[in-house]
Amino acid sequence: MQTIACDVCKKKIDEPLTGRTFFYFAEHSVCESCKDNLENQIKSTMRGKNPFAYEWYDKLIGDSLVKSAQRGKN
């Protein structure tokens, strides 16, 4: 049995399935609920960004995850 812990909320995920029960963002393992919170958190920022650039998006995701992991939640 394999177990992974979410880097944000520290919740244990038993029998993880990549892309279904946990996700990788910027070298962080993130559970499904934290992924949803992260997407909601950055949605308004992304809508205001024009033109879109993947480098900027990757930096935004990475910075948001680091801040969330330090706080222990999204």
PDB file of N, CA and C in Angstrom:
ATOM      1  N   MET A   1       0.832  -1.172   0.000  1.00  0.00           N
ATOM      2  CA  MET A   1       0.000   0.000   0.000  1.00  0.00           C
ATOM      3  C   MET A   1       0.883   1.244   0.000  1.00  0.00           C
ATOM      4  N   GLN A   2       0.569   2.165  -0.865  1.00  0.00           N
ATOM      5  CA  GLN A   2       1.328   3.396  -0.976  1.00  0.00           C
ATOM      6  C   GLN A   2       0.531   4.539  -0.352  1.00  0.00           C
ATOM      7  N   THR A   3       1.219   5.432   0.337  1.00  0.00           N
ATOM      8  CA  THR A   3       0.582   6.588   0.957  1.00  0.00           C
ATOM      9  C   THR A   3       1.386   7.836   0.622  1.00  0.00           C
ATOM     10  N   ILE A   4       0.667   8.893   0.278  1.00  0.00           N
ATOM     11  CA  ILE A   4       1.284  10.186  -0.009  1.00  0.00           C
ATOM     12  C   ILE A   4       0.609  11.215   0.884  1.00  0.00           C
ATOM     13  N   ALA A   5       1.365  12.182   1.355  1.00  0.00           N
ATOM     14  CA  ALA A   5       0.800  13.259   2.169  1.00  0.00           C
ATOM     15  C   ALA A   5       0.734  14.533   1.324  1.00  0.00           C
ATOM     16  N   CYS A   6      -0.372  15.248   1.451  1.00  0.00           N
ATOM     17  CA  CYS A   6      -0.536  16.531   0.773  1.00  0.00           C
ATOM     18  C   CYS A   6       0.454  17.521   1.386  1.00  0.00           C
ATOM     19  N   ASP A   7       1.179  18.242   0.555  1.00  0.00           N
ATOM     20  CA  ASP A   7       2.163  19.205   1.043  1.00  0.00           C
ATOM     21  C   ASP A   7       1.519  20.447   1.646  1.00  0.00           C
ATOM     22  N   VAL A   8       0.241  20.666   1.395  1.00  0.00           N
ATOM     23  CA  VAL A   8      -0.443  21.845   1.907  1.00  0.00           C
ATOM     24  C   VAL A   8      -1.137  21.544   3.226  1.00  0.00           C
ATOM     25  N   CYS A   9      -2.079  20.591   3.228  1.00  0.00           N
ATOM     26  CA  CYS A   9      -2.870  20.321   4.432  1.00  0.00           C
ATOM     27  C   CYS A   9      -2.327  19.155   5.258  1.00  0.00           C
ATOM     28  N   LYS A  10      -1.327  18.451   4.745  1.00  0.00           N
ATOM     29  CA  LYS A  10      -0.667  17.322   5.426  1.00  0.00           C
ATOM     30  C   LYS A  10      -1.566  16.101   5.586  1.00  0.00           C
ATOM     31  N   LYS A  11      -2.699  16.074   4.867  1.00  0.00           N
ATOM     32  CA  LYS A  11      -3.607  14.935   4.914  1.00  0.00           C
ATOM     33  C   LYS A  11      -2.985  13.747   4.182  1.00  0.00           C
ATOM     34  N   LYS A  12      -3.113  12.555   4.741  1.00  0.00           N
ATOM     35  CA  LYS A  12      -2.592  11.338   4.120  1.00  0.00           C
ATOM     36  C   LYS A  12      -3.571  10.844   3.053  1.00  0.00           C
ATOM     37  N   ILE A  13      -3.033  10.452   1.912  1.00  0.00           N
ATOM     38  CA  ILE A  13      -3.833   9.927   0.821  1.00  0.00           C
ATOM     39  C   ILE A  13      -3.405   8.485   0.600  1.00  0.00           C
ATOM     40  N   ASP A  14      -4.282   7.543   0.945  1.00  0.00           N
ATOM     41  CA  ASP A  14      -3.995   6.124   0.747  1.00  0.00           C
ATOM     42  C   ASP A  14      -4.346   5.725  -0.685  1.00  0.00           C
ATOM     43  N   GLU A  15      -3.549   4.852  -1.253  1.00  0.00           N
ATOM     44  CA  GLU A  15      -3.736   4.390  -2.626  1.00  0.00           C
ATOM     45  C   GLU A  15      -3.935   5.571  -3.591  1.00  0.00           C
ATOM     46  N   PRO A  16      -2.945   6.462  -3.686  1.00  0.00           N
ATOM     47  CA  PRO A  16      -3.097   7.656  -4.531  1.00  0.00           C
ATOM     48  C   PRO A  16      -3.129   7.323  -6.022  1.00  0.00           C
ATOM     49  N   LEU A  17      -3.945   8.057  -6.742  1.00  0.00           N
ATOM     50  CA  LEU A  17      -4.017   7.941  -8.192  1.00  0.00           C
ATOM     51  C   LEU A  17      -3.693   9.310  -8.780  1.00  0.00           C
ATOM     52  N   THR A  18      -2.601   9.381  -9.512  1.00  0.00           N
ATOM     53  CA  THR A  18      -2.171  10.652 -10.090  1.00  0.00           C
ATOM     54  C   THR A  18      -3.254  11.197 -11.015  1.00  0.00           C
ATOM     55  N   GLY A  19      -3.619  12.450 -10.804  1.00  0.00           N
ATOM     56  CA  GLY A  19      -4.623  13.088 -11.633  1.00  0.00           C
ATOM     57  C   GLY A  19      -6.047  12.832 -11.194  1.00  0.00           C
ATOM     58  N   ARG A  20      -6.231  12.024 -10.139  1.00  0.00           N
ATOM     59  CA  ARG A  20      -7.583  11.756  -9.647  1.00  0.00           C
ATOM     60  C   ARG A  20      -7.711  12.055  -8.160  1.00  0.00           C
ATOM     61  N   THR A  21      -6.808  11.539  -7.345  1.00  0.00           N
ATOM     62  CA  THR A  21      -6.887  11.776  -5.903  1.00  0.00           C
ATOM     63  C   THR A  21      -5.758  12.679  -5.409  1.00  0.00           C
ATOM     64  N   PHE A  22      -4.734  12.869  -6.207  1.00  0.00           N
ATOM     65  CA  PHE A  22      -3.687  13.837  -5.883  1.00  0.00           C
ATOM     66  C   PHE A  22      -3.070  14.349  -7.174  1.00  0.00           C
ATOM     67  N   PHE A  23      -2.450  15.523  -7.072  1.00  0.00           N
ATOM     68  CA  PHE A  23      -1.916  16.203  -8.248  1.00  0.00           C
ATOM     69  C   PHE A  23      -0.543  16.757  -7.913  1.00  0.00           C
ATOM     70  N   TYR A  24       0.303  16.861  -8.931  1.00  0.00           N
ATOM     71  CA  TYR A  24       1.611  17.480  -8.774  1.00  0.00           C
ATOM     72  C   TYR A  24       1.576  18.876  -9.375  1.00  0.00           C
ATOM     73  N   PHE A  25       1.939  19.875  -8.580  1.00  0.00           N
ATOM     74  CA  PHE A  25       2.080  21.247  -9.037  1.00  0.00           C
ATOM     75  C   PHE A  25       3.407  21.757  -8.517  1.00  0.00           C
ATOM     76  N   ALA A  26       4.252  22.195  -9.403  1.00  0.00           N
ATOM     77  CA  ALA A  26       5.516  22.824  -9.021  1.00  0.00           C
ATOM     78  C   ALA A  26       6.248  22.017  -7.949  1.00  0.00           C
ATOM     79  N   GLU A  27       6.394  20.732  -8.178  1.00  0.00           N
ATOM     80  CA  GLU A  27       7.121  19.818  -7.280  1.00  0.00           C
ATOM     81  C   GLU A  27       6.425  19.602  -5.938  1.00  0.00           C
ATOM     82  N   HIS A  28       5.149  19.884  -5.854  1.00  0.00           N
ATOM     83  CA  HIS A  28       4.383  19.665  -4.634  1.00  0.00           C
ATOM     84  C   HIS A  28       3.287  18.648  -4.909  1.00  0.00           C
ATOM     85  N   SER A  29       3.062  17.747  -3.963  1.00  0.00           N
ATOM     86  CA  SER A  29       1.937  16.826  -4.023  1.00  0.00           C
ATOM     87  C   SER A  29       0.755  17.508  -3.358  1.00  0.00           C
ATOM     88  N   VAL A  30      -0.372  17.560  -4.058  1.00  0.00           N
ATOM     89  CA  VAL A  30      -1.533  18.292  -3.574  1.00  0.00           C
ATOM     90  C   VAL A  30      -2.763  17.403  -3.673  1.00  0.00           C
ATOM     91  N   CYS A  31      -3.554  17.347  -2.586  1.00  0.00           N
ATOM     92  CA  CYS A  31      -4.783  16.555  -2.610  1.00  0.00           C
ATOM     93  C   CYS A  31      -5.847  17.269  -3.440  1.00  0.00           C
ATOM     94  N   GLU A  32      -6.930  16.569  -3.723  1.00  0.00           N
ATOM     95  CA  GLU A  32      -7.967  17.119  -4.595  1.00  0.00           C
ATOM     96  C   GLU A  32      -8.622  18.372  -4.017  1.00  0.00           C
ATOM     97  N   SER A  33      -8.903  18.390  -2.729  1.00  0.00           N
ATOM     98  CA  SER A  33      -9.552  19.568  -2.143  1.00  0.00           C
ATOM     99  C   SER A  33      -8.616  20.778  -2.138  1.00  0.00           C
ATOM    100  N   CYS A  34      -7.335  20.572  -1.871  1.00  0.00           N
ATOM    101  CA  CYS A  34      -6.380  21.682  -1.914  1.00  0.00           C
ATOM    102  C   CYS A  34      -6.183  22.174  -3.339  1.00  0.00           C
ATOM    103  N   LYS A  35      -6.243  21.277  -4.325  1.00  0.00           N
ATOM    104  CA  LYS A  35      -6.148  21.679  -5.729  1.00  0.00           C
ATOM    105  C   LYS A  35      -7.327  22.566  -6.100  1.00  0.00           C
ATOM    106  N   ASP A  36      -8.528  22.195  -5.678  1.00  0.00           N
ATOM    107  CA  ASP A  36      -9.710  23.009  -5.954  1.00  0.00           C
ATOM    108  C   ASP A  36      -9.588  24.384  -5.302  1.00  0.00           C
ATOM    109  N   ASN A  37      -9.106  24.419  -4.068  1.00  0.00           N
ATOM    110  CA  ASN A  37      -8.916  25.697  -3.371  1.00  0.00           C
ATOM    111  C   ASN A  37      -7.877  26.563  -4.088  1.00  0.00           C
ATOM    112  N   LEU A  38      -6.801  25.930  -4.553  1.00  0.00           N
ATOM    113  CA  LEU A  38      -5.754  26.662  -5.271  1.00  0.00           C
ATOM    114  C   LEU A  38      -6.307  27.268  -6.558  1.00  0.00           C
ATOM    115  N   GLU A  39      -7.085  26.496  -7.305  1.00  0.00           N
ATOM    116  CA  GLU A  39      -7.659  26.997  -8.553  1.00  0.00           C
ATOM    117  C   GLU A  39      -8.614  28.152  -8.293  1.00  0.00           C
ATOM    118  N   ASN A  40      -9.421  28.055  -7.253  1.00  0.00           N
ATOM    119  CA  ASN A  40     -10.332  29.146  -6.909  1.00  0.00           C
ATOM    120  C   ASN A  40      -9.572  30.391  -6.469  1.00  0.00           C
ATOM    121  N   GLN A  41      -8.468  30.183  -5.769  1.00  0.00           N
ATOM    122  CA  GLN A  41      -7.658  31.281  -5.256  1.00  0.00           C
ATOM    123  C   GLN A  41      -7.036  32.102  -6.382  1.00  0.00           C
ATOM    124  N   ILE A  42      -6.583  31.456  -7.446  1.00  0.00           N
ATOM    125  CA  ILE A  42      -5.874  32.174  -8.501  1.00  0.00           C
ATOM    126  C   ILE A  42      -6.763  32.526  -9.701  1.00  0.00           C
ATOM    127  N   LYS A  43      -8.015  32.098  -9.678  1.00  0.00           N
ATOM    128  CA  LYS A  43      -8.901  32.312 -10.824  1.00  0.00           C
ATOM    129  C   LYS A  43      -9.049  33.792 -11.186  1.00  0.00           C
ATOM    130  N   SER A  44      -9.309  34.642 -10.209  1.00  0.00           N
ATOM    131  CA  SER A  44      -9.514  36.061 -10.507  1.00  0.00           C
ATOM    132  C   SER A  44      -8.229  36.719 -11.010  1.00  0.00           C
ATOM    133  N   THR A  45      -7.095  36.299 -10.477  1.00  0.00           N
ATOM    134  CA  THR A  45      -5.813  36.845 -10.926  1.00  0.00           C
ATOM    135  C   THR A  45      -5.549  36.461 -12.379  1.00  0.00           C
ATOM    136  N   MET A  46      -5.869  35.232 -12.733  1.00  0.00           N
ATOM    137  CA  MET A  46      -5.639  34.762 -14.095  1.00  0.00           C
ATOM    138  C   MET A  46      -6.535  35.483 -15.096  1.00  0.00           C
ATOM    139  N   ARG A  47      -7.764  35.764 -14.720  1.00  0.00           N
ATOM    140  CA  ARG A  47      -8.683  36.437 -15.640  1.00  0.00           C
ATOM    141  C   ARG A  47      -8.224  37.846 -15.970  1.00  0.00           C
ATOM    142  N   GLY A  48      -7.528  38.480 -15.036  1.00  0.00           N
ATOM    143  CA  GLY A  48      -7.059  39.844 -15.259  1.00  0.00           C
ATOM    144  C   GLY A  48      -5.749  39.928 -16.015  1.00  0.00           C
ATOM    145  N   LYS A  49      -5.105  38.804 -16.268  1.00  0.00           N
ATOM    146  CA  LYS A  49      -3.802  38.788 -16.929  1.00  0.00           C
ATOM    147  C   LYS A  49      -3.978  38.676 -18.442  1.00  0.00           C
ATOM    148  N   ASN A  50      -3.466  39.678 -19.146  1.00  0.00           N
ATOM    149  CA  ASN A  50      -3.542  39.637 -20.591  1.00  0.00           C
ATOM    150  C   ASN A  50      -2.282  40.286 -21.139  1.00  0.00           C
ATOM    151  N   PRO A  51      -1.514  39.713 -21.973  1.00  0.00           N
ATOM    152  CA  PRO A  51      -1.629  38.377 -22.541  1.00  0.00           C
ATOM    153  C   PRO A  51      -1.148  37.311 -21.561  1.00  0.00           C
ATOM    154  N   PHE A  52      -1.672  36.116 -21.735  1.00  0.00           N
ATOM    155  CA  PHE A  52      -1.328  34.996 -20.859  1.00  0.00           C
ATOM    156  C   PHE A  52       0.065  34.482 -21.205  1.00  0.00           C
ATOM    157  N   ALA A  53       0.844  34.158 -20.164  1.00  0.00           N
ATOM    158  CA  ALA A  53       2.185  33.593 -20.355  1.00  0.00           C
ATOM    159  C   ALA A  53       2.366  32.424 -19.389  1.00  0.00           C
ATOM    160  N   TYR A  54       2.817  31.294 -19.900  1.00  0.00           N
ATOM    161  CA  TYR A  54       2.990  30.112 -19.059  1.00  0.00           C
ATOM    162  C   TYR A  54       4.041  30.321 -17.977  1.00  0.00           C
ATOM    163  N   GLU A  55       5.076  31.097 -18.260  1.00  0.00           N
ATOM    164  CA  GLU A  55       6.098  31.362 -17.253  1.00  0.00           C
ATOM    165  C   GLU A  55       5.480  32.081 -16.053  1.00  0.00           C
ATOM    166  N   TRP A  56       4.642  33.052 -16.332  1.00  0.00           N
ATOM    167  CA  TRP A  56       3.960  33.801 -15.271  1.00  0.00           C
ATOM    168  C   TRP A  56       3.018  32.877 -14.494  1.00  0.00           C
ATOM    169  N   TYR A  57       2.273  32.030 -15.203  1.00  0.00           N
ATOM    170  CA  TYR A  57       1.347  31.096 -14.568  1.00  0.00           C
ATOM    171  C   TYR A  57       2.087  30.119 -13.657  1.00  0.00           C
ATOM    172  N   ASP A  58       3.184  29.558 -14.134  1.00  0.00           N
ATOM    173  CA  ASP A  58       3.974  28.627 -13.326  1.00  0.00           C
ATOM    174  C   ASP A  58       4.505  29.299 -12.065  1.00  0.00           C
ATOM    175  N   LYS A  59       4.945  30.536 -12.195  1.00  0.00           N
ATOM    176  CA  LYS A  59       5.441  31.274 -11.029  1.00  0.00           C
ATOM    177  C   LYS A  59       4.304  31.552 -10.047  1.00  0.00           C
ATOM    178  N   LEU A  60       3.139  31.910 -10.540  1.00  0.00           N
ATOM    179  CA  LEU A  60       1.976  32.163  -9.688  1.00  0.00           C
ATOM    180  C   LEU A  60       1.571  30.902  -8.922  1.00  0.00           C
ATOM    181  N   ILE A  61       1.516  29.772  -9.613  1.00  0.00           N
ATOM    182  CA  ILE A  61       1.182  28.496  -8.963  1.00  0.00           C
ATOM    183  C   ILE A  61       2.223  28.160  -7.904  1.00  0.00           C
ATOM    184  N   GLY A  62       3.492  28.260  -8.251  1.00  0.00           N
ATOM    185  CA  GLY A  62       4.566  27.941  -7.308  1.00  0.00           C
ATOM    186  C   GLY A  62       4.534  28.823  -6.078  1.00  0.00           C
ATOM    187  N   ASP A  63       4.374  30.124  -6.278  1.00  0.00           N
ATOM    188  CA  ASP A  63       4.322  31.051  -5.143  1.00  0.00           C
ATOM    189  C   ASP A  63       3.107  30.788  -4.260  1.00  0.00           C
ATOM    190  N   SER A  64       1.958  30.525  -4.870  1.00  0.00           N
ATOM    191  CA  SER A  64       0.739  30.234  -4.106  1.00  0.00           C
ATOM    192  C   SER A  64       0.876  28.960  -3.292  1.00  0.00           C
ATOM    193  N   LEU A  65       1.501  27.940  -3.875  1.00  0.00           N
ATOM    194  CA  LEU A  65       1.691  26.680  -3.157  1.00  0.00           C
ATOM    195  C   LEU A  65       2.656  26.834  -1.993  1.00  0.00           C
ATOM    196  N   VAL A  66       3.721  27.581  -2.193  1.00  0.00           N
ATOM    197  CA  VAL A  66       4.688  27.791  -1.109  1.00  0.00           C
ATOM    198  C   VAL A  66       4.022  28.522   0.051  1.00  0.00           C
ATOM    199  N   LYS A  67       3.261  29.574  -0.246  1.00  0.00           N
ATOM    200  CA  LYS A  67       2.557  30.312   0.801  1.00  0.00           C
ATOM    201  C   LYS A  67       1.543  29.430   1.512  1.00  0.00           C
ATOM    202  N   SER A  68       0.796  28.630   0.750  1.00  0.00           N
ATOM    203  CA  SER A  68      -0.207  27.747   1.338  1.00  0.00           C
ATOM    204  C   SER A  68       0.431  26.678   2.213  1.00  0.00           C
ATOM    205  N   ALA A  69       1.533  26.120   1.750  1.00  0.00           N
ATOM    206  CA  ALA A  69       2.223  25.089   2.537  1.00  0.00           C
ATOM    207  C   ALA A  69       2.774  25.667   3.837  1.00  0.00           C
ATOM    208  N   GLN A  70       3.232  26.915   3.803  1.00  0.00           N
ATOM    209  CA  GLN A  70       3.740  27.553   5.020  1.00  0.00           C
ATOM    210  C   GLN A  70       2.628  27.791   6.019  1.00  0.00           C
ATOM    211  N   ARG A  71       1.442  28.163   5.515  1.00  0.00           N
ATOM    212  CA  ARG A  71       0.296  28.374   6.389  1.00  0.00           C
ATOM    213  C   ARG A  71      -0.358  27.056   6.780  1.00  0.00           C
ATOM    214  N   GLY A  72      -0.177  26.027   5.946  1.00  0.00           N
ATOM    215  CA  GLY A  72      -0.777  24.728   6.215  1.00  0.00           C
ATOM    216  C   GLY A  72      -2.159  24.565   5.630  1.00  0.00           C
ATOM    217  N   LYS A  73      -2.554  25.482   4.776  1.00  0.00           N
ATOM    218  CA  LYS A  73      -3.853  25.379   4.117  1.00  0.00           C
ATOM    219  C   LYS A  73      -3.878  26.305   2.929  1.00  0.00           C
ATOM    220  N   ASN A  74      -4.915  26.160   2.106  1.00  0.00           N
ATOM    221  CA  ASN A  74      -5.124  27.031   0.941  1.00  0.00           C
ATOM    222  C   ASN A  74      -5.979  28.200   1.324  1.00  0.00           C
TER     223      ASN A  74
END
